[in-house]
Amino acid sequence: MFNQLALLPGAISEIFATATETGILTLSDRYGLMAATLNENLEEEERRVVNRLLQSIKRGRIQLATA
């Protein structure tokens, strides 16, 4: 039995705005992104925002919070 992951409307935009402002992606943000990537009905624009966040992490512009 699998639990359903539900993403709140506008959550990806909020995660993106907060992460770009602070330069940090929190653990709860990461869980939100995980829920987004598992969502088969994710809009194309939201998928692009998730990809931009991942690229920013890869390039070191956004750091992952450790706790």
C-alpha atoms as a PDB file:
ATOM      1  CA  MET A   1       0.000   0.000   0.000  1.00  0.00           C
ATOM      2  CA  PHE A   2       1.392   3.402  -1.049  1.00  0.00           C
ATOM      3  CA  ASN A   3       0.618   6.752   0.531  1.00  0.00           C
ATOM      4  CA  GLN A   4      -0.516   9.507  -1.792  1.00  0.00           C
ATOM      5  CA  LEU A   5       1.739  12.551  -1.903  1.00  0.00           C
ATOM      6  CA  ALA A   6      -0.200  15.751  -2.427  1.00  0.00           C
ATOM      7  CA  LEU A   7       1.367  19.047  -3.366  1.00  0.00           C
ATOM      8  CA  LEU A   8      -0.322  22.274  -2.318  1.00  0.00           C
ATOM      9  CA  PRO A   9      -1.289  24.623  -5.154  1.00  0.00           C
ATOM     10  CA  GLY A  10       1.407  27.230  -5.721  1.00  0.00           C
ATOM     11  CA  ALA A  11       3.920  25.343  -3.589  1.00  0.00           C
ATOM     12  CA  ILE A  12       6.533  25.050  -6.330  1.00  0.00           C
ATOM     13  CA  SER A  13       6.459  28.786  -6.996  1.00  0.00           C
ATOM     14  CA  GLU A  14       6.806  29.477  -3.268  1.00  0.00           C
ATOM     15  CA  ILE A  15       9.713  27.034  -2.933  1.00  0.00           C
ATOM     16  CA  PHE A  16      11.434  28.634  -5.922  1.00  0.00           C
ATOM     17  CA  ALA A  17      10.940  32.186  -4.619  1.00  0.00           C
ATOM     18  CA  THR A  18      12.163  31.348  -1.125  1.00  0.00           C
ATOM     19  CA  ALA A  19      15.149  29.307  -2.301  1.00  0.00           C
ATOM     20  CA  THR A  20      16.347  31.955  -4.743  1.00  0.00           C
ATOM     21  CA  GLU A  21      15.942  34.680  -2.111  1.00  0.00           C
ATOM     22  CA  THR A  22      17.724  32.824   0.703  1.00  0.00           C
ATOM     23  CA  GLY A  23      20.033  30.594  -1.330  1.00  0.00           C
ATOM     24  CA  ILE A  24      18.976  27.615   0.784  1.00  0.00           C
ATOM     25  CA  LEU A  25      16.664  24.691   0.061  1.00  0.00           C
ATOM     26  CA  THR A  26      15.252  23.261   3.292  1.00  0.00           C
ATOM     27  CA  LEU A  27      14.353  19.670   4.018  1.00  0.00           C
ATOM     28  CA  SER A  28      10.645  20.457   3.761  1.00  0.00           C
ATOM     29  CA  ASP A  29      11.291  22.136   0.393  1.00  0.00           C
ATOM     30  CA  ARG A  30      12.993  18.949  -0.773  1.00  0.00           C
ATOM     31  CA  TYR A  31      10.000  16.870   0.263  1.00  0.00           C
ATOM     32  CA  GLY A  32       7.784  19.270  -1.679  1.00  0.00           C
ATOM     33  CA  LEU A  33       9.969  18.852  -4.761  1.00  0.00           C
ATOM     34  CA  MET A  34       9.877  15.086  -4.330  1.00  0.00           C
ATOM     35  CA  ALA A  35       6.082  15.204  -4.290  1.00  0.00           C
ATOM     36  CA  ALA A  36       6.156  17.408  -7.383  1.00  0.00           C
ATOM     37  CA  THR A  37       8.397  15.079  -9.340  1.00  0.00           C
ATOM     38  CA  LEU A  38       6.190  12.108  -8.489  1.00  0.00           C
ATOM     39  CA  ASN A  39       3.086  13.960  -9.678  1.00  0.00           C
ATOM     40  CA  GLU A  40       2.188  12.788 -13.173  1.00  0.00           C
ATOM     41  CA  ASN A  41      -0.171  15.740 -13.685  1.00  0.00           C
ATOM     42  CA  LEU A  42       2.454  18.426 -13.101  1.00  0.00           C
ATOM     43  CA  GLU A  43       2.127  21.395 -15.449  1.00  0.00           C
ATOM     44  CA  GLU A  44       4.984  21.971 -17.902  1.00  0.00           C
ATOM     45  CA  GLU A  45       5.795  25.366 -16.382  1.00  0.00           C
ATOM     46  CA  GLU A  46       6.050  23.826 -12.905  1.00  0.00           C
ATOM     47  CA  ARG A  47       8.287  21.080 -14.280  1.00  0.00           C
ATOM     48  CA  ARG A  48      10.585  23.761 -15.729  1.00  0.00           C
ATOM     49  CA  VAL A  49      10.742  25.519 -12.348  1.00  0.00           C
ATOM     50  CA  VAL A  50      11.771  22.253 -10.666  1.00  0.00           C
ATOM     51  CA  ASN A  51      14.477  21.788 -13.309  1.00  0.00           C
ATOM     52  CA  ARG A  52      15.726  25.349 -12.750  1.00  0.00           C
ATOM     53  CA  LEU A  53      15.982  24.678  -9.015  1.00  0.00           C
ATOM     54  CA  LEU A  54      17.952  21.510  -9.628  1.00  0.00           C
ATOM     55  CA  GLN A  55      20.316  23.341 -11.989  1.00  0.00           C
ATOM     56  CA  SER A  56      20.835  26.075  -9.384  1.00  0.00           C
ATOM     57  CA  ILE A  57      21.742  23.440  -6.810  1.00  0.00           C
ATOM     58  CA  LYS A  58      24.108  21.764  -9.253  1.00  0.00           C
ATOM     59  CA  ARG A  59      25.851  25.077  -9.990  1.00  0.00           C
ATOM     60  CA  GLY A  60      26.135  25.946  -6.298  1.00  0.00           C
ATOM     61  CA  ARG A  61      23.794  28.945  -6.352  1.00  0.00           C
ATOM     62  CA  ILE A  62      21.452  27.212  -3.906  1.00  0.00           C
ATOM     63  CA  GLN A  63      22.710  25.142  -0.996  1.00  0.00           C
ATOM     64  CA  LEU A  64      20.906  22.232   0.641  1.00  0.00           C
ATOM     65  CA  ALA A  65      20.141  22.656   4.339  1.00  0.00           C
ATOM     66  CA  THR A  66      21.596  19.775   6.328  1.00  0.00           C
ATOM     67  CA  ALA A  67      18.990  19.626   9.073  1.00  0.00           C
END
